Amino acid sequence: MTEIIPDYSIDRLDNGFSIIKMPAPGRSLTASIWVKSGSANESIRHGIFHFIEHMFFKGTKNRTALDIAKEIEGLGGYSNAFTSKEYTAYYIKSLGEYGNHITEVLTDMFFNSIFDEKEIERERQVIKEEISMTNDDPSSLVYDLFFENILDDKQLSHPIAGTHQSVSTIKRDDFIDTLNSFYTPENCFALFVGDLSSIKWEEIKKQFSNWSNDNKIVPVKSAAYKSGTFKHKKDLNQVNFVLGFPAFKKDDKRRYALSLLNSVVGGSMSSRMFQEIREKRGLAYAIYSSYSGFRNNGIFYIYCGTNNANFEKTVDLAKGEIKKIKTDGITSEELERAKRYFRGTFLISMENNESIMQHAAISHIYHKEIEPVDLIIKKIESVKTKEVNDLACEIFDENRITLTGLGNFDSHK
């Protein structure tokens, strides 16, 4: 099979910072900087990593916020950033011919953001609106509630953006303290994917080589799991619920079998959940399963939104499908279809250098190397039916179910 992700190289600087270079076909380039920490590293000041992400776009020693936007868009490019529970990323995408220019803008944002007090207050209100938007969207809010319900800790379980209360208490000194604690050369890396032909690497290395901060990151401890049923009242037409089980951490070797199990359970239109609950019974529009993996924890879950009166029935049907899989297993036909589905969707996604960027960065963070696409496909194709069925029996433990529901529970029994 032709390799989608081409050969890559890593320059490791003396200060511990890494520069990953991945040439890829096409005229575009995605330049990114990644921090191997996120909201899970917040024992206090919940939401500060996400707040910092916003503030990097609000002005530097050399550019105003408007200057940053105009300059990037004037090159025909665009910028973005995101914060997760365990990493944060900043990137700019443009034509490859502007590679040096966008990298200079990106490093200016990363190293020279000024955290102006007026901008902090203005962006604080923006983030509160973002939190309100999430709270008004039941399909998003139920996930935040689910993580609070299933994880018994004060780091991995809280919302990435924080709360209105926590964001209100963050001060300028808190930004500086967090940057000094977590934005260190060894805890960050740069990743370039696409047309690299115009980049002057020695200049880029120089920008990062002068960075000095040898603070050591304290690892986030593994979170304990909680089971039970948690009902959160909100006046809605539907009940949104998440039904979940403890799984395993992100770098577990069984992740390939779990990807295929997920496809059969609820990760595709031909899946058990989609067919039984939506297609056969018409009880939901949105019904699917997924897996969230972290450094020390993992969760497999099913999401559904259904009419208030059908909540209990739909939960029972979802549990019933899980029980069938655990008791009878999946079929060889289902497994082969899941393998073909994984291969096709994965390879198609790798035709975009932003997708390549995310795959490469997450692989680098969790597996300490960038997994070649052909190796991943080979491992997927080698999974046996028994492996998937054994995994289903292990994960789908009736005594470790966590059910989070969000809706108008007073309107039905």
Protein backbone atom coordinates (compact mmCIF):
# COMPACT_ATOMS: atom_id res chain seq x y z
CA MET A 1 0.00 0.00 0.00
CA THR A 2 1.26 3.47 -0.85
CA GLU A 3 2.14 5.41 2.27
CA ILE A 4 -0.09 8.47 2.78
CA ILE A 5 2.08 10.10 5.41
CA PRO A 6 5.54 10.56 3.87
CA ASP A 7 8.84 10.27 5.65
CA TYR A 8 9.34 12.83 8.36
CA SER A 9 12.29 14.14 10.33
CA ILE A 10 12.65 15.56 13.82
CA ASP A 11 15.16 18.21 14.86
CA ARG A 12 15.69 18.01 18.62
CA LEU A 13 17.17 21.21 19.97
CA ASP A 14 19.51 21.42 22.96
CA ASN A 15 16.77 22.97 25.11
CA GLY A 16 14.49 19.95 24.61
CA PHE A 17 12.21 21.47 21.98
CA SER A 18 11.41 19.37 18.88
CA ILE A 19 10.65 20.50 15.34
CA ILE A 20 8.84 17.87 13.28
CA LYS A 21 8.96 18.27 9.49
CA MET A 22 6.50 16.33 7.33
CA PRO A 23 6.49 17.17 3.61
CA ALA A 24 3.16 16.32 1.96
CA PRO A 25 1.74 16.73 -1.56
CA GLY A 26 -0.08 19.93 -2.47
CA ARG A 27 0.53 23.67 -2.32
CA SER A 28 -0.57 24.32 1.27
CA LEU A 29 1.34 24.27 4.54
CA THR A 30 0.08 23.92 8.10
CA ALA A 31 2.48 25.29 10.72
CA SER A 32 1.63 24.44 14.32
CA ILE A 33 2.91 24.58 17.88
CA TRP A 34 1.66 22.03 20.41
CA VAL A 35 1.71 22.04 24.20
CA LYS A 36 1.53 18.64 25.88
CA SER A 37 -0.73 19.97 28.63
CA GLY A 38 -4.37 21.01 28.81
CA SER A 39 -7.26 21.45 31.19
CA ALA A 40 -6.41 18.25 33.08
CA ASN A 41 -3.31 20.05 34.38
CA GLU A 42 -5.52 22.58 36.17
CA SER A 43 -5.93 21.67 39.82
CA ILE A 44 -7.19 25.21 40.36
CA ARG A 45 -8.01 28.11 38.01
CA HIS A 46 -10.18 25.88 35.85
CA GLY A 47 -10.34 27.12 32.27
CA ILE A 48 -7.00 28.92 32.22
CA PHE A 49 -5.43 26.82 29.43
CA HIS A 50 -8.42 27.60 27.23
CA PHE A 51 -8.24 31.28 28.27
CA ILE A 52 -4.54 31.41 27.30
CA GLU A 53 -5.40 29.92 23.93
CA HIS A 54 -7.78 32.84 23.33
CA MET A 55 -5.30 35.44 24.56
CA PHE A 56 -2.59 34.38 22.10
CA PHE A 57 -4.75 35.98 19.38
CA LYS A 58 -5.30 39.24 21.29
CA GLY A 59 -2.08 41.08 20.59
CA THR A 60 1.69 40.80 20.91
CA LYS A 61 4.58 43.21 21.43
CA ASN A 62 4.67 43.59 17.65
CA ARG A 63 1.07 43.19 16.48
CA THR A 64 -2.44 44.07 17.60
CA ALA A 65 -5.20 41.46 17.44
CA LEU A 66 -6.45 43.08 14.23
CA ASP A 67 -2.92 43.08 12.78
CA ILE A 68 -2.68 39.32 13.37
CA ALA A 69 -5.99 38.64 11.63
CA LYS A 70 -5.29 40.96 8.68
CA GLU A 71 -1.76 39.69 8.15
CA ILE A 72 -2.74 36.02 8.04
CA GLU A 73 -5.80 36.59 5.89
CA GLY A 74 -3.79 38.91 3.65
CA LEU A 75 -1.68 35.87 2.78
CA GLY A 76 -4.80 33.88 1.92
CA GLY A 77 -4.43 31.84 5.09
CA TYR A 78 -6.32 31.23 8.29
CA SER A 79 -5.46 30.51 11.90
CA ASN A 80 -7.03 28.45 14.64
CA ALA A 81 -6.32 26.88 18.01
CA PHE A 82 -7.93 24.41 20.37
CA THR A 83 -7.58 23.18 23.92
CA SER A 84 -8.26 19.61 24.98
CA LYS A 85 -7.98 17.95 28.35
CA GLU A 86 -4.36 16.92 27.76
CA TYR A 87 -2.93 19.15 25.02
CA THR A 88 -3.26 22.57 23.41
CA ALA A 89 -2.54 23.46 19.77
CA TYR A 90 -2.04 26.64 17.74
CA TYR A 91 -1.77 26.62 13.96
CA ILE A 92 -1.79 28.70 10.80
CA LYS A 93 -2.48 27.32 7.33
CA SER A 94 -1.50 29.05 4.10
CA LEU A 95 0.16 28.42 0.78
CA GLY A 96 3.59 26.90 1.26
CA GLU A 97 5.30 29.92 -0.31
CA TYR A 98 4.40 31.91 2.82
CA GLY A 99 5.83 29.34 5.22
CA ASN A 100 8.45 31.61 6.78
CA HIS A 101 5.98 34.46 7.14
CA ILE A 102 3.25 32.47 8.91
CA THR A 103 5.83 30.83 11.16
CA GLU A 104 7.09 34.25 12.24
CA VAL A 105 3.52 35.32 13.05
CA LEU A 106 2.88 32.08 14.94
CA THR A 107 6.04 32.36 17.03
CA ASP A 108 5.29 36.03 17.73
CA MET A 109 1.91 35.00 19.13
CA PHE A 110 3.47 32.16 21.10
CA PHE A 111 6.37 34.06 22.66
CA ASN A 112 5.29 37.71 22.67
CA SER A 113 1.61 37.85 23.64
CA ILE A 114 1.21 40.74 26.08
CA PHE A 115 -1.99 39.81 27.97
CA ASP A 116 -3.26 43.37 28.05
CA GLU A 117 -5.64 43.92 30.99
CA LYS A 118 -8.36 45.46 28.79
CA GLU A 119 -8.11 42.57 26.33
CA ILE A 120 -8.29 40.08 29.22
CA GLU A 121 -11.54 41.60 30.46
CA ARG A 122 -13.00 41.73 26.98
CA GLU A 123 -12.03 38.13 26.23
CA ARG A 124 -13.31 37.01 29.63
CA GLN A 125 -16.77 38.06 28.48
CA VAL A 126 -16.28 36.26 25.15
CA ILE A 127 -15.40 33.03 26.97
CA LYS A 128 -18.38 33.39 29.29
CA GLU A 129 -20.56 33.63 26.18
CA GLU A 130 -18.85 30.50 24.84
CA ILE A 131 -19.62 28.70 28.11
CA SER A 132 -23.22 29.91 27.96
CA MET A 133 -23.47 28.62 24.39
CA THR A 134 -22.30 25.18 25.56
CA ASN A 135 -24.71 25.25 28.49
CA ASP A 136 -27.57 26.08 26.12
CA ASP A 137 -26.64 23.14 23.86
CA PRO A 138 -27.78 19.96 25.62
CA SER A 139 -25.75 17.66 23.36
CA SER A 140 -22.60 19.51 24.51
CA LEU A 141 -23.58 20.10 28.13
CA VAL A 142 -24.41 16.45 28.75
CA TYR A 143 -20.79 15.50 27.92
CA ASP A 144 -19.42 17.92 30.50
CA LEU A 145 -21.85 16.52 33.06
CA PHE A 146 -20.98 12.94 32.10
CA PHE A 147 -17.26 13.49 32.66
CA GLU A 148 -18.01 15.05 36.04
CA ASN A 149 -20.17 12.02 36.89
CA ILE A 150 -17.89 9.20 35.73
CA LEU A 151 -14.51 10.57 36.88
CA ASP A 152 -13.76 11.10 40.55
CA ASP A 153 -11.11 13.80 40.41
CA LYS A 154 -10.72 17.58 40.17
CA GLN A 155 -8.63 17.73 36.99
CA LEU A 156 -9.72 15.46 34.15
CA SER A 157 -13.41 15.71 35.02
CA HIS A 158 -14.02 19.46 34.80
CA PRO A 159 -15.09 21.34 31.63
CA ILE A 160 -12.23 22.46 29.38
CA ALA A 161 -13.46 26.06 29.22
CA GLY A 162 -14.10 26.21 32.96
CA THR A 163 -17.22 27.76 34.45
CA HIS A 164 -18.51 31.31 34.70
CA GLN A 165 -17.27 31.39 38.27
CA SER A 166 -13.79 29.98 37.62
CA VAL A 167 -13.18 32.19 34.57
CA SER A 168 -14.25 35.25 36.58
CA THR A 169 -11.43 34.71 39.09
CA ILE A 170 -8.51 34.36 36.64
CA LYS A 171 -6.03 37.25 36.83
CA ARG A 172 -3.15 38.34 34.62
CA ASP A 173 -0.55 36.87 37.01
CA ASP A 174 -2.29 33.49 36.68
CA PHE A 175 -1.57 33.48 32.94
CA ILE A 176 2.11 34.18 33.54
CA ASP A 177 2.34 31.49 36.24
CA THR A 178 0.71 28.89 33.97
CA LEU A 179 2.96 29.78 31.02
CA ASN A 180 6.06 29.51 33.21
CA SER A 181 4.89 26.18 34.61
CA PHE A 182 3.75 24.37 31.45
CA TYR A 183 4.92 26.23 28.35
CA THR A 184 8.44 24.82 28.44
CA PRO A 185 10.66 23.62 25.57
CA GLU A 186 10.49 19.97 26.64
CA ASN A 187 6.70 20.13 26.98
CA CYS A 188 6.13 21.68 23.54
CA PHE A 189 6.95 20.94 19.91
CA ALA A 190 6.42 22.45 16.46
CA LEU A 191 4.95 20.48 13.58
CA PHE A 192 5.02 21.48 9.91
CA VAL A 193 2.96 19.54 7.35
CA GLY A 194 2.68 20.22 3.63
CA ASP A 195 4.79 22.18 1.15
CA LEU A 196 8.01 22.86 3.07
CA SER A 197 10.11 23.91 0.09
CA SER A 198 10.38 27.60 0.98
CA ILE A 199 11.06 27.32 4.71
CA LYS A 200 14.40 28.51 6.07
CA TRP A 201 14.90 25.97 8.82
CA GLU A 202 17.95 27.55 10.42
CA GLU A 203 16.00 30.74 11.08
CA ILE A 204 13.16 28.76 12.63
CA LYS A 205 15.52 26.74 14.80
CA LYS A 206 17.06 29.98 16.03
CA GLN A 207 13.65 31.30 17.11
CA PHE A 208 13.11 28.26 19.34
CA SER A 209 16.73 27.65 20.44
CA ASN A 210 16.84 30.82 22.54
CA TRP A 211 13.91 29.64 24.66
CA SER A 212 14.92 28.59 28.15
CA ASN A 213 12.67 27.08 30.83
CA ASP A 214 13.65 23.84 32.56
CA ASN A 215 10.59 23.53 34.81
CA LYS A 216 9.52 19.89 35.16
CA ILE A 217 5.86 19.05 34.60
CA VAL A 218 4.09 17.13 37.36
CA PRO A 219 2.17 14.25 35.70
CA VAL A 220 -1.60 14.15 36.10
CA LYS A 221 -2.63 11.25 38.31
CA SER A 222 -5.01 8.55 37.17
CA ALA A 223 -8.63 9.37 38.02
CA ALA A 224 -10.89 6.90 39.81
CA TYR A 225 -14.16 5.96 38.13
CA LYS A 226 -17.66 6.35 39.51
CA SER A 227 -20.72 4.37 38.46
CA GLY A 228 -24.42 5.08 38.88
CA THR A 229 -27.28 7.03 37.36
CA PHE A 230 -27.15 10.83 37.41
CA LYS A 231 -30.17 12.84 36.29
CA HIS A 232 -29.77 16.56 35.69
CA LYS A 233 -32.97 18.56 35.29
CA LYS A 234 -33.26 21.04 32.42
CA ASP A 235 -36.39 22.16 30.60
CA LEU A 236 -35.89 20.49 27.21
CA ASN A 237 -38.02 18.72 24.63
CA GLN A 238 -35.61 15.78 24.67
CA VAL A 239 -33.56 13.87 27.18
CA ASN A 240 -29.93 13.78 26.12
CA PHE A 241 -28.03 10.95 27.74
CA VAL A 242 -24.58 9.40 27.79
CA LEU A 243 -24.11 5.79 28.84
CA GLY A 244 -20.48 4.96 29.56
CA PHE A 245 -17.98 2.43 30.83
CA PRO A 246 -14.36 2.70 32.03
CA ALA A 247 -11.96 1.60 29.30
CA PHE A 248 -8.17 1.89 29.03
CA LYS A 249 -5.61 4.60 28.42
CA LYS A 250 -4.78 6.06 25.02
CA ASP A 251 -1.62 4.08 24.28
CA ASP A 252 -3.03 0.63 25.10
CA LYS A 253 -2.27 -1.95 22.41
CA ARG A 254 -5.93 -2.98 22.35
CA ARG A 255 -6.92 0.38 20.84
CA TYR A 256 -7.15 -1.16 17.37
CA ALA A 257 -9.67 -3.76 18.50
CA LEU A 258 -11.57 -1.04 20.37
CA SER A 259 -11.83 1.07 17.20
CA LEU A 260 -13.51 -1.84 15.46
CA LEU A 261 -15.77 -2.60 18.41
CA ASN A 262 -16.85 1.04 18.42
CA SER A 263 -17.73 0.87 14.73
CA VAL A 264 -19.99 -2.12 15.36
CA VAL A 265 -21.60 -0.71 18.51
CA GLY A 266 -22.45 2.80 17.32
CA GLY A 267 -19.70 4.31 15.21
CA SER A 268 -21.38 3.95 11.83
CA MET A 269 -24.79 3.95 10.16
CA SER A 270 -24.77 0.15 9.95
CA SER A 271 -23.95 -0.16 13.67
CA ARG A 272 -26.10 -1.99 16.19
CA MET A 273 -27.23 1.16 18.02
CA PHE A 274 -28.03 3.17 14.90
CA GLN A 275 -30.00 0.37 13.31
CA GLU A 276 -31.95 -0.69 16.42
CA ILE A 277 -32.74 2.69 17.96
CA ARG A 278 -32.99 5.00 14.96
CA GLU A 279 -33.71 2.93 11.86
CA LYS A 280 -35.88 0.17 13.34
CA ARG A 281 -37.71 2.08 16.08
CA GLY A 282 -37.37 5.77 15.15
CA LEU A 283 -36.59 6.74 18.74
CA ALA A 284 -33.71 9.13 18.03
CA TYR A 285 -32.09 11.29 15.40
CA ALA A 286 -28.63 11.27 17.01
CA ILE A 287 -27.30 7.98 18.37
CA TYR A 288 -23.66 6.95 18.31
CA SER A 289 -20.77 5.56 20.35
CA SER A 290 -17.22 6.76 20.83
CA TYR A 291 -14.07 6.39 22.90
CA SER A 292 -12.08 9.07 24.74
CA GLY A 293 -8.55 8.04 25.65
CA PHE A 294 -6.15 9.86 27.95
CA ARG A 295 -2.69 9.27 29.42
CA ASN A 296 -4.02 7.31 32.40
CA ASN A 297 -7.72 6.83 31.73
CA GLY A 298 -10.15 5.89 29.01
CA ILE A 299 -13.93 5.92 28.58
CA PHE A 300 -16.21 4.16 26.09
CA TYR A 301 -19.62 5.79 25.79
CA ILE A 302 -22.88 5.95 23.88
CA TYR A 303 -24.72 9.23 23.26
CA CYS A 304 -28.39 9.60 22.38
CA GLY A 305 -31.07 12.27 22.34
CA THR A 306 -34.67 11.08 22.56
CA ASN A 307 -38.17 12.21 23.52
CA ASN A 308 -38.73 12.57 27.27
CA ALA A 309 -41.33 9.81 27.31
CA ASN A 310 -38.98 7.38 25.54
CA PHE A 311 -35.94 7.94 27.76
CA GLU A 312 -36.18 4.79 29.89
CA LYS A 313 -37.12 2.65 26.90
CA THR A 314 -34.20 3.93 24.83
CA VAL A 315 -31.72 3.41 27.66
CA ASP A 316 -32.98 -0.16 28.09
CA LEU A 317 -32.60 -0.80 24.35
CA ALA A 318 -29.04 0.55 24.39
CA LYS A 319 -28.19 -1.64 27.37
CA GLY A 320 -29.86 -4.56 25.60
CA GLU A 321 -27.66 -4.17 22.54
CA ILE A 322 -24.59 -4.01 24.75
CA LYS A 323 -25.69 -7.19 26.51
CA LYS A 324 -26.23 -8.97 23.18
CA ILE A 325 -22.73 -8.07 22.05
CA LYS A 326 -21.29 -9.20 25.35
CA THR A 327 -23.26 -12.47 25.34
CA ASP A 328 -23.24 -13.43 21.67
CA GLY A 329 -20.31 -11.41 20.33
CA ILE A 330 -20.03 -9.63 17.01
CA THR A 331 -20.03 -11.57 13.76
CA SER A 332 -17.11 -12.02 11.39
CA GLU A 333 -19.15 -10.14 8.77
CA GLU A 334 -19.52 -7.15 11.10
CA LEU A 335 -15.80 -7.21 11.84
CA GLU A 336 -14.81 -7.25 8.17
CA ARG A 337 -17.19 -4.38 7.39
CA ALA A 338 -15.78 -2.42 10.33
CA LYS A 339 -12.24 -2.97 9.05
CA ARG A 340 -13.12 -1.72 5.58
CA TYR A 341 -14.96 1.27 7.07
CA PHE A 342 -11.98 2.18 9.25
CA ARG A 343 -9.53 1.85 6.37
CA GLY A 344 -11.60 3.97 3.99
CA THR A 345 -12.48 6.79 6.37
CA PHE A 346 -8.97 6.94 7.82
CA LEU A 347 -7.20 7.04 4.46
CA ILE A 348 -9.60 9.67 3.11
CA SER A 349 -9.00 11.85 6.18
CA MET A 350 -5.25 11.64 5.57
CA GLU A 351 -5.62 13.48 2.26
CA ASN A 352 -5.86 16.77 4.19
CA ASN A 353 -2.71 18.11 5.85
CA GLU A 354 -4.66 19.42 8.86
CA SER A 355 -5.82 15.86 9.49
CA ILE A 356 -2.26 14.62 9.00
CA MET A 357 -1.15 17.28 11.50
CA GLN A 358 -3.61 16.10 14.14
CA HIS A 359 -2.81 12.43 13.61
CA ALA A 360 0.94 13.06 13.76
CA ALA A 361 0.80 15.34 16.80
CA ILE A 362 -1.49 13.12 18.86
CA SER A 363 0.59 10.08 17.94
CA HIS A 364 3.74 11.94 19.00
CA ILE A 365 2.17 12.99 22.30
CA TYR A 366 0.76 9.62 23.33
CA HIS A 367 2.94 7.05 21.56
CA LYS A 368 6.27 8.93 21.47
CA GLU A 369 6.44 8.28 17.73
CA ILE A 370 4.34 8.98 14.66
CA GLU A 371 2.59 5.78 13.67
CA PRO A 372 2.78 5.19 9.90
CA VAL A 373 -0.61 4.88 8.27
CA ASP A 374 0.22 1.55 6.62
CA LEU A 375 1.23 0.10 10.00
CA ILE A 376 -2.06 1.21 11.57
CA ILE A 377 -4.02 -0.36 8.71
CA LYS A 378 -1.98 -3.55 9.07
CA LYS A 379 -2.74 -3.73 12.79
CA ILE A 380 -6.43 -3.09 12.17
CA GLU A 381 -6.57 -5.82 9.55
CA SER A 382 -4.86 -8.29 11.90
CA VAL A 383 -7.52 -7.98 14.64
CA LYS A 384 -9.44 -11.22 15.19
CA THR A 385 -13.12 -11.57 16.06
CA LYS A 386 -12.22 -13.20 19.38
CA GLU A 387 -10.09 -10.18 20.37
CA VAL A 388 -13.03 -7.84 19.86
CA ASN A 389 -15.46 -10.11 21.69
CA ASP A 390 -13.08 -10.60 24.62
CA LEU A 391 -12.66 -6.84 24.81
CA ALA A 392 -16.44 -6.32 24.81
CA CYS A 393 -16.78 -8.73 27.73
CA GLU A 394 -14.10 -6.84 29.64
CA ILE A 395 -15.37 -3.30 29.04
CA PHE A 396 -19.12 -3.84 29.17
CA ASP A 397 -19.31 -4.55 32.88
CA GLU A 398 -22.89 -4.05 34.15
CA ASN A 399 -21.53 -3.09 37.57
CA ARG A 400 -19.48 -0.21 36.15
CA ILE A 401 -22.08 1.62 34.06
CA THR A 402 -22.40 5.38 34.39
CA LEU A 403 -25.57 6.95 33.01
CA THR A 404 -25.88 10.72 32.76
CA GLY A 405 -29.22 12.15 31.65
CA LEU A 406 -30.10 15.77 30.95
CA GLY A 407 -33.74 16.74 30.49
CA ASN A 408 -37.11 17.55 31.98
CA PHE A 409 -37.35 14.50 34.20
CA ASP A 410 -40.45 15.77 36.02
CA SER A 411 -42.47 15.35 32.83
CA HIS A 412 -42.38 11.55 32.94
CA LYS A 413 -41.83 8.72 35.37
